[in-house]
Amino acid sequence: MESRMNGRRIRAYRKLKGYTQEEFAKEIGMSVSVLGEVERGNRLPSEPILERMALILNISKQELHS
């Protein structure tokens, strides 16, 4: 359940910042299919990937978790 909520939050911030899945996946160094799994809550990103996501989205890592 928590991973699903985190995934939805990641997707919402990505869209809010105007990134497509393809653009965002390229920026964070992840395949589009894996990013899709993360956004659907089927997979958890590693801490370094979470940090990279937060940096690119210009938000705190905690905002992706809360």
PDB file of N, CA and C in Angstrom:
ATOM      1  N   MET A   1       0.822  -1.204   0.000  1.00  0.00           N
ATOM      2  CA  MET A   1       0.000   0.000   0.000  1.00  0.00           C
ATOM      3  C   MET A   1       0.862   1.262   0.000  1.00  0.00           C
ATOM      4  N   GLU A   2       1.880   1.287   0.871  1.00  0.00           N
ATOM      5  CA  GLU A   2       2.746   2.458   0.960  1.00  0.00           C
ATOM      6  C   GLU A   2       3.476   2.711  -0.358  1.00  0.00           C
ATOM      7  N   SER A   3       3.960   1.629  -0.990  1.00  0.00           N
ATOM      8  CA  SER A   3       4.670   1.803  -2.255  1.00  0.00           C
ATOM      9  C   SER A   3       3.736   2.356  -3.338  1.00  0.00           C
ATOM     10  N   ARG A   4       2.457   1.979  -3.288  1.00  0.00           N
ATOM     11  CA  ARG A   4       1.489   2.506  -4.251  1.00  0.00           C
ATOM     12  C   ARG A   4       1.301   4.004  -4.057  1.00  0.00           C
ATOM     13  N   MET A   5       1.224   4.430  -2.798  1.00  0.00           N
ATOM     14  CA  MET A   5       1.062   5.863  -2.510  1.00  0.00           C
ATOM     15  C   MET A   5       2.308   6.640  -2.926  1.00  0.00           C
ATOM     16  N   ASN A   6       3.488   6.081  -2.649  1.00  0.00           N
ATOM     17  CA  ASN A   6       4.733   6.739  -3.061  1.00  0.00           C
ATOM     18  C   ASN A   6       4.795   6.836  -4.581  1.00  0.00           C
ATOM     19  N   GLY A   7       4.397   5.781  -5.256  1.00  0.00           N
ATOM     20  CA  GLY A   7       4.392   5.796  -6.712  1.00  0.00           C
ATOM     21  C   GLY A   7       3.465   6.856  -7.277  1.00  0.00           C
ATOM     22  N   ARG A   8       2.292   6.973  -6.695  1.00  0.00           N
ATOM     23  CA  ARG A   8       1.341   8.005  -7.141  1.00  0.00           C
ATOM     24  C   ARG A   8       1.903   9.399  -6.904  1.00  0.00           C
ATOM     25  N   ARG A   9       2.604   9.551  -5.792  1.00  0.00           N
ATOM     26  CA  ARG A   9       3.198  10.848  -5.471  1.00  0.00           C
ATOM     27  C   ARG A   9       4.298  11.194  -6.475  1.00  0.00           C
ATOM     28  N   ILE A  10       5.131  10.204  -6.804  1.00  0.00           N
ATOM     29  CA  ILE A  10       6.193  10.420  -7.792  1.00  0.00           C
ATOM     30  C   ILE A  10       5.577  10.817  -9.130  1.00  0.00           C
ATOM     31  N   ARG A  11       4.550  10.092  -9.550  1.00  0.00           N
ATOM     32  CA  ARG A  11       3.873  10.407 -10.818  1.00  0.00           C
ATOM     33  C   ARG A  11       3.275  11.810 -10.786  1.00  0.00           C
ATOM     34  N   ALA A  12       2.634  12.174  -9.692  1.00  0.00           N
ATOM     35  CA  ALA A  12       2.010  13.497  -9.594  1.00  0.00           C
ATOM     36  C   ALA A  12       3.047  14.611  -9.696  1.00  0.00           C
ATOM     37  N   TYR A  13       4.160  14.473  -8.977  1.00  0.00           N
ATOM     38  CA  TYR A  13       5.211  15.492  -9.048  1.00  0.00           C
ATOM     39  C   TYR A  13       5.841  15.534 -10.439  1.00  0.00           C
ATOM     40  N   ARG A  14       6.046  14.372 -11.050  1.00  0.00           N
ATOM     41  CA  ARG A  14       6.614  14.332 -12.399  1.00  0.00           C
ATOM     42  C   ARG A  14       5.728  15.101 -13.364  1.00  0.00           C
ATOM     43  N   LYS A  15       4.437  14.840 -13.311  1.00  0.00           N
ATOM     44  CA  LYS A  15       3.497  15.524 -14.207  1.00  0.00           C
ATOM     45  C   LYS A  15       3.406  17.015 -13.892  1.00  0.00           C
ATOM     46  N   LEU A  16       3.412  17.343 -12.603  1.00  0.00           N
ATOM     47  CA  LEU A  16       3.353  18.743 -12.185  1.00  0.00           C
ATOM     48  C   LEU A  16       4.533  19.531 -12.745  1.00  0.00           C
ATOM     49  N   LYS A  17       5.687  18.891 -12.808  1.00  0.00           N
ATOM     50  CA  LYS A  17       6.895  19.551 -13.315  1.00  0.00           C
ATOM     51  C   LYS A  17       7.010  19.464 -14.835  1.00  0.00           C
ATOM     52  N   GLY A  18       6.046  18.801 -15.485  1.00  0.00           N
ATOM     53  CA  GLY A  18       5.986  18.797 -16.936  1.00  0.00           C
ATOM     54  C   GLY A  18       6.817  17.735 -17.635  1.00  0.00           C
ATOM     55  N   TYR A  19       7.240  16.706 -16.914  1.00  0.00           N
ATOM     56  CA  TYR A  19       8.024  15.628 -17.514  1.00  0.00           C
ATOM     57  C   TYR A  19       7.121  14.507 -18.019  1.00  0.00           C
ATOM     58  N   THR A  20       7.453  13.987 -19.191  1.00  0.00           N
ATOM     59  CA  THR A  20       6.832  12.745 -19.628  1.00  0.00           C
ATOM     60  C   THR A  20       7.571  11.608 -18.924  1.00  0.00           C
ATOM     61  N   GLN A  21       7.004  10.416 -18.969  1.00  0.00           N
ATOM     62  CA  GLN A  21       7.704   9.271 -18.381  1.00  0.00           C
ATOM     63  C   GLN A  21       9.047   9.067 -19.070  1.00  0.00           C
ATOM     64  N   GLU A  22       9.080   9.205 -20.373  1.00  0.00           N
ATOM     65  CA  GLU A  22      10.310   8.998 -21.135  1.00  0.00           C
ATOM     66  C   GLU A  22      11.383  10.002 -20.732  1.00  0.00           C
ATOM     67  N   GLU A  23      11.019  11.277 -20.644  1.00  0.00           N
ATOM     68  CA  GLU A  23      11.975  12.320 -20.270  1.00  0.00           C
ATOM     69  C   GLU A  23      12.506  12.100 -18.850  1.00  0.00           C
ATOM     70  N   PHE A  24      11.588  11.814 -17.932  1.00  0.00           N
ATOM     71  CA  PHE A  24      11.973  11.654 -16.539  1.00  0.00           C
ATOM     72  C   PHE A  24      12.840  10.415 -16.350  1.00  0.00           C
ATOM     73  N   ALA A  25      12.482   9.326 -17.006  1.00  0.00           N
ATOM     74  CA  ALA A  25      13.275   8.101 -16.903  1.00  0.00           C
ATOM     75  C   ALA A  25      14.701   8.349 -17.393  1.00  0.00           C
ATOM     76  N   LYS A  26      14.833   9.065 -18.483  1.00  0.00           N
ATOM     77  CA  LYS A  26      16.161   9.370 -19.017  1.00  0.00           C
ATOM     78  C   LYS A  26      16.955  10.231 -18.032  1.00  0.00           C
ATOM     79  N   GLU A  27      16.305  11.226 -17.440  1.00  0.00           N
ATOM     80  CA  GLU A  27      16.975  12.115 -16.483  1.00  0.00           C
ATOM     81  C   GLU A  27      17.488  11.377 -15.251  1.00  0.00           C
ATOM     82  N   ILE A  28      16.729  10.401 -14.785  1.00  0.00           N
ATOM     83  CA  ILE A  28      17.131   9.690 -13.564  1.00  0.00           C
ATOM     84  C   ILE A  28      17.935   8.430 -13.851  1.00  0.00           C
ATOM     85  N   GLY A  29      18.108   8.095 -15.126  1.00  0.00           N
ATOM     86  CA  GLY A  29      18.894   6.928 -15.485  1.00  0.00           C
ATOM     87  C   GLY A  29      18.181   5.615 -15.238  1.00  0.00           C
ATOM     88  N   MET A  30      16.912   5.588 -15.582  1.00  0.00           N
ATOM     89  CA  MET A  30      16.081   4.407 -15.351  1.00  0.00           C
ATOM     90  C   MET A  30      15.295   4.138 -16.630  1.00  0.00           C
ATOM     91  N   SER A  31      14.976   2.876 -16.888  1.00  0.00           N
ATOM     92  CA  SER A  31      14.165   2.574 -18.069  1.00  0.00           C
ATOM     93  C   SER A  31      12.722   3.020 -17.823  1.00  0.00           C
ATOM     94  N   VAL A  32      12.025   3.277 -18.895  1.00  0.00           N
ATOM     95  CA  VAL A  32      10.628   3.703 -18.815  1.00  0.00           C
ATOM     96  C   VAL A  32       9.786   2.609 -18.163  1.00  0.00           C
ATOM     97  N   SER A  33      10.077   1.356 -18.497  1.00  0.00           N
ATOM     98  CA  SER A  33       9.278   0.266 -17.932  1.00  0.00           C
ATOM     99  C   SER A  33       9.461   0.170 -16.419  1.00  0.00           C
ATOM    100  N   VAL A  34      10.680   0.375 -15.937  1.00  0.00           N
ATOM    101  CA  VAL A  34      10.909   0.332 -14.485  1.00  0.00           C
ATOM    102  C   VAL A  34      10.257   1.534 -13.815  1.00  0.00           C
ATOM    103  N   LEU A  35      10.349   2.711 -14.423  1.00  0.00           N
ATOM    104  CA  LEU A  35       9.684   3.893 -13.864  1.00  0.00           C
ATOM    105  C   LEU A  35       8.177   3.645 -13.786  1.00  0.00           C
ATOM    106  N   GLY A  36       7.611   3.027 -14.798  1.00  0.00           N
ATOM    107  CA  GLY A  36       6.188   2.696 -14.769  1.00  0.00           C
ATOM    108  C   GLY A  36       5.847   1.783 -13.603  1.00  0.00           C
ATOM    109  N   GLU A  37       6.702   0.808 -13.344  1.00  0.00           N
ATOM    110  CA  GLU A  37       6.478  -0.083 -12.205  1.00  0.00           C
ATOM    111  C   GLU A  37       6.543   0.683 -10.886  1.00  0.00           C
ATOM    112  N   VAL A  38       7.484   1.601 -10.789  1.00  0.00           N
ATOM    113  CA  VAL A  38       7.602   2.423  -9.576  1.00  0.00           C
ATOM    114  C   VAL A  38       6.338   3.256  -9.397  1.00  0.00           C
ATOM    115  N   GLU A  39       5.889   3.908 -10.464  1.00  0.00           N
ATOM    116  CA  GLU A  39       4.714   4.771 -10.374  1.00  0.00           C
ATOM    117  C   GLU A  39       3.435   3.988 -10.079  1.00  0.00           C
ATOM    118  N   ARG A  40       3.377   2.738 -10.478  1.00  0.00           N
ATOM    119  CA  ARG A  40       2.216   1.899 -10.171  1.00  0.00           C
ATOM    120  C   ARG A  40       2.310   1.268  -8.788  1.00  0.00           C
ATOM    121  N   GLY A  41       3.453   1.421  -8.133  1.00  0.00           N
ATOM    122  CA  GLY A  41       3.628   0.877  -6.791  1.00  0.00           C
ATOM    123  C   GLY A  41       4.055  -0.573  -6.770  1.00  0.00           C
ATOM    124  N   ASN A  42       4.504  -1.099  -7.903  1.00  0.00           N
ATOM    125  CA  ASN A  42       4.947  -2.485  -7.984  1.00  0.00           C
ATOM    126  C   ASN A  42       6.422  -2.659  -7.661  1.00  0.00           C
ATOM    127  N   ARG A  43       7.134  -1.543  -7.573  1.00  0.00           N
ATOM    128  CA  ARG A  43       8.570  -1.596  -7.322  1.00  0.00           C
ATOM    129  C   ARG A  43       8.980  -0.350  -6.546  1.00  0.00           C
ATOM    130  N   LEU A  44       9.924  -0.534  -5.624  1.00  0.00           N
ATOM    131  CA  LEU A  44      10.444   0.592  -4.867  1.00  0.00           C
ATOM    132  C   LEU A  44      11.772   1.041  -5.459  1.00  0.00           C
ATOM    133  N   PRO A  45      11.955   2.353  -5.657  1.00  0.00           N
ATOM    134  CA  PRO A  45      13.244   2.829  -6.157  1.00  0.00           C
ATOM    135  C   PRO A  45      14.291   2.787  -5.044  1.00  0.00           C
ATOM    136  N   SER A  46      15.541   2.666  -5.429  1.00  0.00           N
ATOM    137  CA  SER A  46      16.627   2.688  -4.456  1.00  0.00           C
ATOM    138  C   SER A  46      16.775   4.101  -3.882  1.00  0.00           C
ATOM    139  N   GLU A  47      17.472   4.209  -2.782  1.00  0.00           N
ATOM    140  CA  GLU A  47      17.691   5.531  -2.158  1.00  0.00           C
ATOM    141  C   GLU A  47      18.401   6.490  -3.105  1.00  0.00           C
ATOM    142  N   PRO A  48      19.475   6.053  -3.805  1.00  0.00           N
ATOM    143  CA  PRO A  48      20.113   6.993  -4.743  1.00  0.00           C
ATOM    144  C   PRO A  48      19.169   7.473  -5.845  1.00  0.00           C
ATOM    145  N   ILE A  49      18.297   6.595  -6.322  1.00  0.00           N
ATOM    146  CA  ILE A  49      17.329   6.998  -7.354  1.00  0.00           C
ATOM    147  C   ILE A  49      16.315   7.973  -6.768  1.00  0.00           C
ATOM    148  N   LEU A  50      15.847   7.718  -5.550  1.00  0.00           N
ATOM    149  CA  LEU A  50      14.925   8.652  -4.892  1.00  0.00           C
ATOM    150  C   LEU A  50      15.561  10.029  -4.742  1.00  0.00           C
ATOM    151  N   GLU A  51      16.826  10.040  -4.353  1.00  0.00           N
ATOM    152  CA  GLU A  51      17.538  11.319  -4.201  1.00  0.00           C
ATOM    153  C   GLU A  51      17.641  12.037  -5.539  1.00  0.00           C
ATOM    154  N   ARG A  52      17.929  11.289  -6.598  1.00  0.00           N
ATOM    155  CA  ARG A  52      18.024  11.882  -7.936  1.00  0.00           C
ATOM    156  C   ARG A  52      16.661  12.418  -8.383  1.00  0.00           C
ATOM    157  N   MET A  53      15.601  11.665  -8.116  1.00  0.00           N
ATOM    158  CA  MET A  53      14.252  12.128  -8.460  1.00  0.00           C
ATOM    159  C   MET A  53      13.946  13.450  -7.765  1.00  0.00           C
ATOM    160  N   ALA A  54      14.225  13.499  -6.479  1.00  0.00           N
ATOM    161  CA  ALA A  54      13.946  14.716  -5.705  1.00  0.00           C
ATOM    162  C   ALA A  54      14.754  15.893  -6.237  1.00  0.00           C
ATOM    163  N   LEU A  55      16.014  15.648  -6.566  1.00  0.00           N
ATOM    164  CA  LEU A  55      16.872  16.714  -7.088  1.00  0.00           C
ATOM    165  C   LEU A  55      16.328  17.251  -8.407  1.00  0.00           C
ATOM    166  N   ILE A  56      15.984  16.360  -9.304  1.00  0.00           N
ATOM    167  CA  ILE A  56      15.476  16.772 -10.622  1.00  0.00           C
ATOM    168  C   ILE A  56      14.134  17.485 -10.498  1.00  0.00           C
ATOM    169  N   LEU A  57      13.279  16.999  -9.582  1.00  0.00           N
ATOM    170  CA  LEU A  57      11.964  17.617  -9.404  1.00  0.00           C
ATOM    171  C   LEU A  57      12.004  18.861  -8.525  1.00  0.00           C
ATOM    172  N   ASN A  58      13.190  19.123  -7.950  1.00  0.00           N
ATOM    173  CA  ASN A  58      13.384  20.287  -7.092  1.00  0.00           C
ATOM    174  C   ASN A  58      12.460  20.260  -5.871  1.00  0.00           C
ATOM    175  N   ILE A  59      12.403  19.089  -5.246  1.00  0.00           N
ATOM    176  CA  ILE A  59      11.637  18.909  -4.020  1.00  0.00           C
ATOM    177  C   ILE A  59      12.497  18.119  -3.041  1.00  0.00           C
ATOM    178  N   SER A  60      12.055  18.029  -1.803  1.00  0.00           N
ATOM    179  CA  SER A  60      12.803  17.240  -0.826  1.00  0.00           C
ATOM    180  C   SER A  60      12.451  15.762  -0.988  1.00  0.00           C
ATOM    181  N   LYS A  61      13.367  14.910  -0.580  1.00  0.00           N
ATOM    182  CA  LYS A  61      13.121  13.472  -0.648  1.00  0.00           C
ATOM    183  C   LYS A  61      11.921  13.104   0.222  1.00  0.00           C
ATOM    184  N   GLN A  62      11.734  13.815   1.316  1.00  0.00           N
ATOM    185  CA  GLN A  62      10.616  13.547   2.216  1.00  0.00           C
ATOM    186  C   GLN A  62       9.272  13.793   1.521  1.00  0.00           C
ATOM    187  N   GLU A  63       9.230  14.729   0.609  1.00  0.00           N
ATOM    188  CA  GLU A  63       7.981  14.998  -0.115  1.00  0.00           C
ATOM    189  C   GLU A  63       7.555  13.811  -0.989  1.00  0.00           C
ATOM    190  N   LEU A  64       8.516  12.994  -1.379  1.00  0.00           N
ATOM    191  CA  LEU A  64       8.185  11.800  -2.163  1.00  0.00           C
ATOM    192  C   LEU A  64       7.698  10.679  -1.269  1.00  0.00           C
ATOM    193  N   HIS A  65       7.995  10.760   0.037  1.00  0.00           N
ATOM    194  CA  HIS A  65       7.617   9.719   0.990  1.00  0.00           C
ATOM    195  C   HIS A  65       6.342  10.045   1.779  1.00  0.00           C
ATOM    196  N   SER A  66       6.101  11.326   2.040  1.00  0.00           N
ATOM    197  CA  SER A  66       5.017  11.675   2.975  1.00  0.00           C
ATOM    198  C   SER A  66       3.639  11.504   2.424  1.00  0.00           C
TER     199      SER A  66
END
